[in-house]
Amino acid sequence: MRALPAGYVLIDAPDRIDAVAAHAYLTRSYWAEGIPLETVERSIAGSLCVAIQHEGRQVAFARIVSDYATFAYLADVHVIEDHRGQGLSHVMVEHFLAHPRLQGLRRWALFTLDAHGLYEQYDFSRYPHPERVMTRDDPDVYR
């Protein structure tokens, strides 16, 4: 697993994840625009989360939704703009891929608009059978 740059700290203790900081980013993201803080808090409570802090401030976040036996969904990966380009997203993805509770899973999934290159480095690929995938989306749920 790659090391964090000096001054950055990986946080994986649930009680140290800053839901307000995660919400501040997610509410302006393309995938969760307008998401209520309460929803972010519930999503964190029901997920395996990781964050990265710099000088006591949360600057990156990601979470996994999983049954810890067969499937994991990687969600809400983000790095605050001023801290991008330092490998922070790589550290979070590598943390999850090495996590003891996430070993031996048959399938991992994620959705991304613009980070395919990042995830391809970790053997994620476009699903070879898109005709088998279905979703049920409500794009206005946060309005």
N, C-alpha and C. Protein backbone atom coordinates (compact mmCIF):
# COMPACT_ATOMS: atom_id res chain seq x y z
N MET A 1 0.84 -1.18 0.00
CA MET A 1 0.00 0.00 0.00
C MET A 1 0.89 1.24 0.00
N ARG A 2 0.52 2.21 -0.81
CA ARG A 2 1.36 3.40 -0.89
C ARG A 2 1.20 4.26 0.36
N ALA A 3 2.22 4.99 0.66
CA ALA A 3 2.24 5.82 1.86
C ALA A 3 1.57 7.16 1.59
N LEU A 4 1.01 7.72 2.63
CA LEU A 4 0.45 9.07 2.54
C LEU A 4 1.57 10.10 2.55
N PRO A 5 1.36 11.22 1.89
CA PRO A 5 2.35 12.30 1.99
C PRO A 5 2.43 12.80 3.44
N ALA A 6 3.53 13.43 3.76
CA ALA A 6 3.73 13.97 5.11
C ALA A 6 2.59 14.91 5.46
N GLY A 7 2.12 14.81 6.70
CA GLY A 7 1.07 15.68 7.19
C GLY A 7 -0.33 15.14 7.01
N TYR A 8 -0.47 14.00 6.33
CA TYR A 8 -1.79 13.39 6.11
C TYR A 8 -1.93 12.16 6.99
N VAL A 9 -3.16 11.92 7.47
CA VAL A 9 -3.44 10.80 8.35
C VAL A 9 -4.68 10.08 7.86
N LEU A 10 -4.58 8.75 7.74
CA LEU A 10 -5.73 7.93 7.36
C LEU A 10 -6.56 7.63 8.61
N ILE A 11 -7.85 7.83 8.51
CA ILE A 11 -8.77 7.59 9.62
C ILE A 11 -9.76 6.50 9.18
N ASP A 12 -9.86 5.44 9.98
CA ASP A 12 -10.88 4.43 9.68
C ASP A 12 -11.75 4.10 10.88
N ALA A 13 -11.58 4.83 11.96
CA ALA A 13 -12.43 4.65 13.14
C ALA A 13 -13.76 5.36 12.88
N PRO A 14 -14.88 4.64 12.96
CA PRO A 14 -16.18 5.25 12.64
C PRO A 14 -16.48 6.53 13.40
N ASP A 15 -16.06 6.59 14.65
CA ASP A 15 -16.37 7.77 15.46
C ASP A 15 -15.49 8.98 15.11
N ARG A 16 -14.51 8.79 14.23
CA ARG A 16 -13.64 9.90 13.83
C ARG A 16 -13.92 10.41 12.42
N ILE A 17 -14.86 9.76 11.72
CA ILE A 17 -15.25 10.22 10.39
C ILE A 17 -16.12 11.47 10.56
N ASP A 18 -15.80 12.51 9.83
CA ASP A 18 -16.52 13.77 9.93
C ASP A 18 -17.63 13.81 8.88
N ALA A 19 -18.85 13.50 9.31
CA ALA A 19 -20.00 13.48 8.39
C ALA A 19 -20.28 14.86 7.81
N VAL A 20 -20.07 15.90 8.59
CA VAL A 20 -20.31 17.26 8.10
C VAL A 20 -19.36 17.59 6.95
N ALA A 21 -18.09 17.20 7.10
CA ALA A 21 -17.12 17.45 6.02
C ALA A 21 -17.47 16.62 4.78
N ALA A 22 -17.84 15.36 4.97
CA ALA A 22 -18.24 14.54 3.82
C ALA A 22 -19.45 15.15 3.14
N HIS A 23 -20.42 15.58 3.93
CA HIS A 23 -21.63 16.20 3.39
C HIS A 23 -21.30 17.46 2.59
N ALA A 24 -20.39 18.28 3.10
CA ALA A 24 -20.03 19.53 2.42
C ALA A 24 -19.57 19.27 0.99
N TYR A 25 -18.86 18.17 0.78
CA TYR A 25 -18.44 17.83 -0.58
C TYR A 25 -19.57 17.15 -1.36
N LEU A 26 -20.18 16.15 -0.75
CA LEU A 26 -21.18 15.36 -1.46
C LEU A 26 -22.35 16.19 -1.95
N THR A 27 -22.77 17.18 -1.17
CA THR A 27 -23.94 17.97 -1.56
C THR A 27 -23.71 18.78 -2.82
N ARG A 28 -22.44 18.96 -3.20
CA ARG A 28 -22.12 19.68 -4.44
C ARG A 28 -21.54 18.75 -5.52
N SER A 29 -21.53 17.45 -5.25
CA SER A 29 -20.99 16.49 -6.23
C SER A 29 -22.04 16.20 -7.32
N TYR A 30 -21.57 15.67 -8.44
CA TYR A 30 -22.51 15.34 -9.52
C TYR A 30 -23.39 14.15 -9.16
N TRP A 31 -22.95 13.29 -8.25
CA TRP A 31 -23.71 12.08 -7.95
C TRP A 31 -24.61 12.20 -6.73
N ALA A 32 -24.43 13.22 -5.91
CA ALA A 32 -25.25 13.34 -4.70
C ALA A 32 -25.65 14.78 -4.42
N GLU A 33 -25.76 15.57 -5.47
CA GLU A 33 -26.07 16.99 -5.31
C GLU A 33 -27.32 17.18 -4.45
N GLY A 34 -27.18 18.02 -3.44
CA GLY A 34 -28.31 18.33 -2.58
C GLY A 34 -28.61 17.30 -1.50
N ILE A 35 -27.77 16.31 -1.34
CA ILE A 35 -28.02 15.25 -0.36
C ILE A 35 -28.12 15.86 1.05
N PRO A 36 -29.12 15.48 1.82
CA PRO A 36 -29.23 16.01 3.18
C PRO A 36 -28.16 15.44 4.11
N LEU A 37 -27.76 16.23 5.09
CA LEU A 37 -26.77 15.78 6.07
C LEU A 37 -27.23 14.50 6.76
N GLU A 38 -28.50 14.41 7.12
CA GLU A 38 -29.01 13.21 7.78
C GLU A 38 -28.80 11.95 6.93
N THR A 39 -28.96 12.08 5.63
CA THR A 39 -28.75 10.95 4.73
C THR A 39 -27.27 10.54 4.71
N VAL A 40 -26.38 11.52 4.68
CA VAL A 40 -24.94 11.23 4.73
C VAL A 40 -24.60 10.54 6.04
N GLU A 41 -25.15 11.02 7.15
CA GLU A 41 -24.90 10.39 8.45
C GLU A 41 -25.38 8.94 8.46
N ARG A 42 -26.54 8.67 7.90
CA ARG A 42 -27.05 7.29 7.84
C ARG A 42 -26.19 6.43 6.94
N SER A 43 -25.72 7.00 5.82
CA SER A 43 -24.88 6.21 4.90
C SER A 43 -23.56 5.85 5.55
N ILE A 44 -23.00 6.75 6.32
CA ILE A 44 -21.75 6.48 7.02
C ILE A 44 -21.97 5.41 8.09
N ALA A 45 -23.07 5.51 8.81
CA ALA A 45 -23.37 4.53 9.87
C ALA A 45 -23.53 3.13 9.31
N GLY A 46 -23.98 3.01 8.07
CA GLY A 46 -24.22 1.70 7.48
C GLY A 46 -23.12 1.21 6.56
N SER A 47 -21.97 1.86 6.60
CA SER A 47 -20.89 1.53 5.67
C SER A 47 -19.56 1.39 6.40
N LEU A 48 -18.61 0.79 5.70
CA LEU A 48 -17.21 0.78 6.14
C LEU A 48 -16.57 2.00 5.50
N CYS A 49 -16.11 2.93 6.32
CA CYS A 49 -15.64 4.22 5.81
C CYS A 49 -14.17 4.44 6.10
N VAL A 50 -13.59 5.31 5.29
CA VAL A 50 -12.23 5.76 5.49
C VAL A 50 -12.18 7.23 5.12
N ALA A 51 -11.34 7.97 5.81
CA ALA A 51 -11.15 9.38 5.51
C ALA A 51 -9.66 9.70 5.67
N ILE A 52 -9.27 10.80 5.09
CA ILE A 52 -7.91 11.28 5.25
C ILE A 52 -8.00 12.71 5.79
N GLN A 53 -7.21 12.95 6.83
CA GLN A 53 -7.16 14.27 7.44
C GLN A 53 -5.82 14.93 7.15
N HIS A 54 -5.87 16.24 7.07
CA HIS A 54 -4.68 17.06 6.95
C HIS A 54 -4.84 18.22 7.92
N GLU A 55 -3.90 18.32 8.86
CA GLU A 55 -3.96 19.35 9.89
C GLU A 55 -5.31 19.35 10.61
N GLY A 56 -5.79 18.14 10.92
CA GLY A 56 -7.02 17.99 11.68
C GLY A 56 -8.30 18.17 10.89
N ARG A 57 -8.20 18.43 9.60
CA ARG A 57 -9.37 18.67 8.74
C ARG A 57 -9.52 17.50 7.76
N GLN A 58 -10.73 16.98 7.63
CA GLN A 58 -10.99 15.89 6.70
C GLN A 58 -10.95 16.42 5.27
N VAL A 59 -10.06 15.84 4.44
CA VAL A 59 -9.88 16.32 3.08
C VAL A 59 -10.19 15.25 2.03
N ALA A 60 -10.47 14.03 2.47
CA ALA A 60 -10.80 12.95 1.54
C ALA A 60 -11.68 11.94 2.28
N PHE A 61 -12.48 11.22 1.50
CA PHE A 61 -13.44 10.29 2.09
C PHE A 61 -13.82 9.24 1.05
N ALA A 62 -14.14 8.05 1.53
CA ALA A 62 -14.69 6.99 0.69
C ALA A 62 -15.41 6.00 1.60
N ARG A 63 -16.32 5.23 1.01
CA ARG A 63 -17.02 4.23 1.81
C ARG A 63 -17.31 3.00 0.98
N ILE A 64 -17.50 1.90 1.69
CA ILE A 64 -17.85 0.61 1.11
C ILE A 64 -19.17 0.15 1.70
N VAL A 65 -20.06 -0.30 0.84
CA VAL A 65 -21.28 -0.97 1.26
C VAL A 65 -21.09 -2.44 0.89
N SER A 66 -21.21 -3.34 1.85
CA SER A 66 -20.88 -4.75 1.59
C SER A 66 -21.63 -5.70 2.50
N ASP A 67 -21.76 -6.94 2.01
CA ASP A 67 -22.22 -8.02 2.88
C ASP A 67 -21.03 -8.75 3.50
N TYR A 68 -19.82 -8.35 3.14
CA TYR A 68 -18.55 -8.90 3.63
C TYR A 68 -18.38 -10.38 3.31
N ALA A 69 -19.14 -10.88 2.35
CA ALA A 69 -19.02 -12.28 1.95
C ALA A 69 -18.89 -12.42 0.44
N THR A 70 -19.67 -11.65 -0.32
CA THR A 70 -19.68 -11.83 -1.77
C THR A 70 -19.55 -10.55 -2.57
N PHE A 71 -19.91 -9.40 -2.00
CA PHE A 71 -20.06 -8.19 -2.80
C PHE A 71 -19.65 -6.95 -2.02
N ALA A 72 -19.03 -5.99 -2.72
CA ALA A 72 -18.72 -4.68 -2.15
C ALA A 72 -18.98 -3.60 -3.19
N TYR A 73 -19.58 -2.53 -2.74
CA TYR A 73 -19.86 -1.37 -3.58
C TYR A 73 -19.04 -0.20 -3.05
N LEU A 74 -18.15 0.33 -3.86
CA LEU A 74 -17.30 1.47 -3.51
C LEU A 74 -18.05 2.74 -3.87
N ALA A 75 -18.21 3.64 -2.89
CA ALA A 75 -19.05 4.82 -3.12
C ALA A 75 -18.44 6.07 -2.51
N ASP A 76 -18.89 7.19 -3.02
CA ASP A 76 -18.63 8.52 -2.45
C ASP A 76 -17.15 8.87 -2.33
N VAL A 77 -16.33 8.31 -3.19
CA VAL A 77 -14.89 8.61 -3.16
C VAL A 77 -14.68 10.05 -3.60
N HIS A 78 -14.03 10.82 -2.74
CA HIS A 78 -13.72 12.19 -3.13
C HIS A 78 -12.52 12.72 -2.36
N VAL A 79 -11.86 13.67 -3.00
CA VAL A 79 -10.73 14.40 -2.41
C VAL A 79 -11.01 15.88 -2.65
N ILE A 80 -10.92 16.67 -1.59
CA ILE A 80 -11.12 18.12 -1.71
C ILE A 80 -10.12 18.67 -2.73
N GLU A 81 -10.58 19.59 -3.55
CA GLU A 81 -9.80 20.08 -4.69
C GLU A 81 -8.37 20.49 -4.34
N ASP A 82 -8.16 21.19 -3.26
CA ASP A 82 -6.82 21.66 -2.90
C ASP A 82 -5.85 20.54 -2.54
N HIS A 83 -6.35 19.33 -2.37
CA HIS A 83 -5.51 18.21 -1.94
C HIS A 83 -5.40 17.11 -3.01
N ARG A 84 -5.88 17.38 -4.19
CA ARG A 84 -5.82 16.40 -5.29
C ARG A 84 -4.40 16.32 -5.84
N GLY A 85 -4.13 15.21 -6.54
CA GLY A 85 -2.84 15.02 -7.18
C GLY A 85 -1.74 14.51 -6.27
N GLN A 86 -2.13 14.05 -5.08
CA GLN A 86 -1.14 13.56 -4.12
C GLN A 86 -1.32 12.08 -3.81
N GLY A 87 -2.18 11.41 -4.57
CA GLY A 87 -2.37 9.98 -4.37
C GLY A 87 -3.32 9.61 -3.26
N LEU A 88 -4.10 10.55 -2.74
CA LEU A 88 -4.99 10.25 -1.63
C LEU A 88 -6.08 9.25 -2.01
N SER A 89 -6.64 9.38 -3.20
CA SER A 89 -7.67 8.41 -3.61
C SER A 89 -7.06 7.02 -3.76
N HIS A 90 -5.82 6.94 -4.23
CA HIS A 90 -5.14 5.65 -4.33
C HIS A 90 -5.00 5.01 -2.95
N VAL A 91 -4.61 5.80 -1.97
CA VAL A 91 -4.44 5.27 -0.62
C VAL A 91 -5.76 4.71 -0.10
N MET A 92 -6.86 5.41 -0.33
CA MET A 92 -8.16 4.93 0.16
C MET A 92 -8.59 3.65 -0.56
N VAL A 93 -8.44 3.60 -1.87
CA VAL A 93 -8.81 2.39 -2.62
C VAL A 93 -7.93 1.22 -2.18
N GLU A 94 -6.64 1.43 -2.06
CA GLU A 94 -5.73 0.37 -1.62
C GLU A 94 -6.06 -0.10 -0.20
N HIS A 95 -6.45 0.83 0.65
CA HIS A 95 -6.86 0.47 2.01
C HIS A 95 -8.02 -0.52 1.96
N PHE A 96 -9.03 -0.23 1.16
CA PHE A 96 -10.18 -1.12 1.06
C PHE A 96 -9.81 -2.46 0.41
N LEU A 97 -9.02 -2.43 -0.63
CA LEU A 97 -8.66 -3.68 -1.31
C LEU A 97 -7.86 -4.61 -0.40
N ALA A 98 -7.14 -4.04 0.57
CA ALA A 98 -6.36 -4.86 1.50
C ALA A 98 -7.10 -5.14 2.80
N HIS A 99 -8.26 -4.56 2.98
CA HIS A 99 -8.98 -4.68 4.26
C HIS A 99 -9.35 -6.15 4.52
N PRO A 100 -9.08 -6.66 5.73
CA PRO A 100 -9.35 -8.06 6.04
C PRO A 100 -10.81 -8.48 5.85
N ARG A 101 -11.74 -7.59 6.10
CA ARG A 101 -13.16 -7.95 5.97
C ARG A 101 -13.62 -7.99 4.52
N LEU A 102 -12.79 -7.52 3.59
CA LEU A 102 -13.18 -7.44 2.19
C LEU A 102 -12.41 -8.41 1.29
N GLN A 103 -11.83 -9.43 1.89
CA GLN A 103 -11.07 -10.41 1.12
C GLN A 103 -12.00 -11.54 0.64
N GLY A 104 -11.71 -12.08 -0.53
CA GLY A 104 -12.45 -13.22 -1.06
C GLY A 104 -13.81 -12.88 -1.63
N LEU A 105 -14.06 -11.60 -1.90
CA LEU A 105 -15.34 -11.21 -2.47
C LEU A 105 -15.40 -11.57 -3.95
N ARG A 106 -16.55 -11.97 -4.39
CA ARG A 106 -16.71 -12.34 -5.80
C ARG A 106 -16.78 -11.11 -6.69
N ARG A 107 -17.42 -10.05 -6.21
CA ARG A 107 -17.62 -8.90 -7.08
C ARG A 107 -17.52 -7.59 -6.29
N TRP A 108 -16.88 -6.62 -6.93
CA TRP A 108 -16.84 -5.23 -6.47
C TRP A 108 -17.52 -4.40 -7.56
N ALA A 109 -18.16 -3.33 -7.17
CA ALA A 109 -18.81 -2.45 -8.14
C ALA A 109 -18.62 -1.00 -7.72
N LEU A 110 -18.75 -0.12 -8.68
CA LEU A 110 -18.73 1.32 -8.44
C LEU A 110 -19.35 2.01 -9.64
N PHE A 111 -19.69 3.27 -9.44
CA PHE A 111 -20.16 4.13 -10.52
C PHE A 111 -19.22 5.31 -10.60
N THR A 112 -18.84 5.71 -11.82
CA THR A 112 -18.01 6.90 -11.98
C THR A 112 -18.29 7.54 -13.33
N LEU A 113 -18.19 8.84 -13.37
CA LEU A 113 -18.33 9.59 -14.60
C LEU A 113 -16.97 9.86 -15.23
N ASP A 114 -15.95 10.08 -14.37
CA ASP A 114 -14.69 10.60 -14.90
C ASP A 114 -13.43 10.00 -14.28
N ALA A 115 -13.54 8.95 -13.48
CA ALA A 115 -12.35 8.41 -12.82
C ALA A 115 -12.04 6.98 -13.26
N HIS A 116 -12.40 6.63 -14.46
CA HIS A 116 -12.14 5.27 -14.96
C HIS A 116 -10.66 4.91 -14.88
N GLY A 117 -9.80 5.85 -15.22
CA GLY A 117 -8.36 5.60 -15.21
C GLY A 117 -7.85 5.21 -13.83
N LEU A 118 -8.37 5.85 -12.80
CA LEU A 118 -7.98 5.50 -11.43
C LEU A 118 -8.35 4.06 -11.14
N TYR A 119 -9.59 3.71 -11.36
CA TYR A 119 -10.08 2.38 -10.97
C TYR A 119 -9.55 1.26 -11.86
N GLU A 120 -9.25 1.56 -13.11
CA GLU A 120 -8.66 0.55 -13.99
C GLU A 120 -7.30 0.09 -13.46
N GLN A 121 -6.59 0.95 -12.74
CA GLN A 121 -5.30 0.58 -12.15
C GLN A 121 -5.47 -0.51 -11.09
N TYR A 122 -6.68 -0.70 -10.62
CA TYR A 122 -6.97 -1.70 -9.58
C TYR A 122 -7.88 -2.81 -10.12
N ASP A 123 -7.79 -3.03 -11.42
CA ASP A 123 -8.50 -4.12 -12.11
C ASP A 123 -10.02 -3.97 -12.17
N PHE A 124 -10.53 -2.77 -11.94
CA PHE A 124 -11.93 -2.52 -12.24
C PHE A 124 -12.05 -2.37 -13.74
N SER A 125 -13.16 -2.80 -14.29
CA SER A 125 -13.38 -2.67 -15.73
C SER A 125 -14.86 -2.47 -15.99
N ARG A 126 -15.16 -2.05 -17.19
CA ARG A 126 -16.57 -1.92 -17.57
C ARG A 126 -17.19 -3.31 -17.52
N TYR A 127 -18.41 -3.39 -17.03
CA TYR A 127 -19.05 -4.70 -16.89
C TYR A 127 -19.24 -5.33 -18.26
N PRO A 128 -18.77 -6.56 -18.45
CA PRO A 128 -18.81 -7.17 -19.78
C PRO A 128 -20.21 -7.56 -20.25
N HIS A 129 -21.18 -7.54 -19.35
CA HIS A 129 -22.55 -7.93 -19.71
C HIS A 129 -23.53 -6.84 -19.28
N PRO A 130 -23.46 -5.66 -19.90
CA PRO A 130 -24.35 -4.57 -19.46
C PRO A 130 -25.83 -4.93 -19.58
N GLU A 131 -26.15 -5.88 -20.44
CA GLU A 131 -27.54 -6.29 -20.58
C GLU A 131 -28.06 -6.98 -19.32
N ARG A 132 -27.18 -7.36 -18.42
CA ARG A 132 -27.57 -8.01 -17.16
C ARG A 132 -27.74 -7.02 -16.01
N VAL A 133 -27.28 -5.79 -16.19
CA VAL A 133 -27.29 -4.82 -15.11
C VAL A 133 -28.55 -3.96 -15.20
N MET A 134 -29.17 -3.79 -14.06
CA MET A 134 -30.33 -2.90 -13.97
C MET A 134 -30.16 -2.01 -12.75
N THR A 135 -30.69 -0.82 -12.83
CA THR A 135 -30.68 0.09 -11.68
C THR A 135 -32.08 0.68 -11.55
N ARG A 136 -32.33 1.18 -10.38
CA ARG A 136 -33.57 1.91 -10.12
C ARG A 136 -33.15 3.24 -9.52
N ASP A 137 -33.17 4.30 -10.31
CA ASP A 137 -32.66 5.60 -9.91
C ASP A 137 -33.81 6.58 -9.67
N ASP A 138 -33.65 7.43 -8.67
CA ASP A 138 -34.56 8.54 -8.42
C ASP A 138 -33.71 9.79 -8.33
N PRO A 139 -33.42 10.44 -9.46
CA PRO A 139 -32.50 11.58 -9.47
C PRO A 139 -33.01 12.79 -8.70
N ASP A 140 -34.28 12.84 -8.36
CA ASP A 140 -34.83 13.99 -7.65
C ASP A 140 -35.02 13.73 -6.15
N VAL A 141 -34.52 12.62 -5.65
CA VAL A 141 -34.78 12.25 -4.26
C VAL A 141 -34.28 13.28 -3.25
N TYR A 142 -33.24 14.06 -3.57
CA TYR A 142 -32.69 15.03 -2.63
C TYR A 142 -33.27 16.43 -2.82
N ARG A 143 -34.25 16.56 -3.68
CA ARG A 143 -34.85 17.90 -3.92
C ARG A 143 -36.12 18.04 -3.16
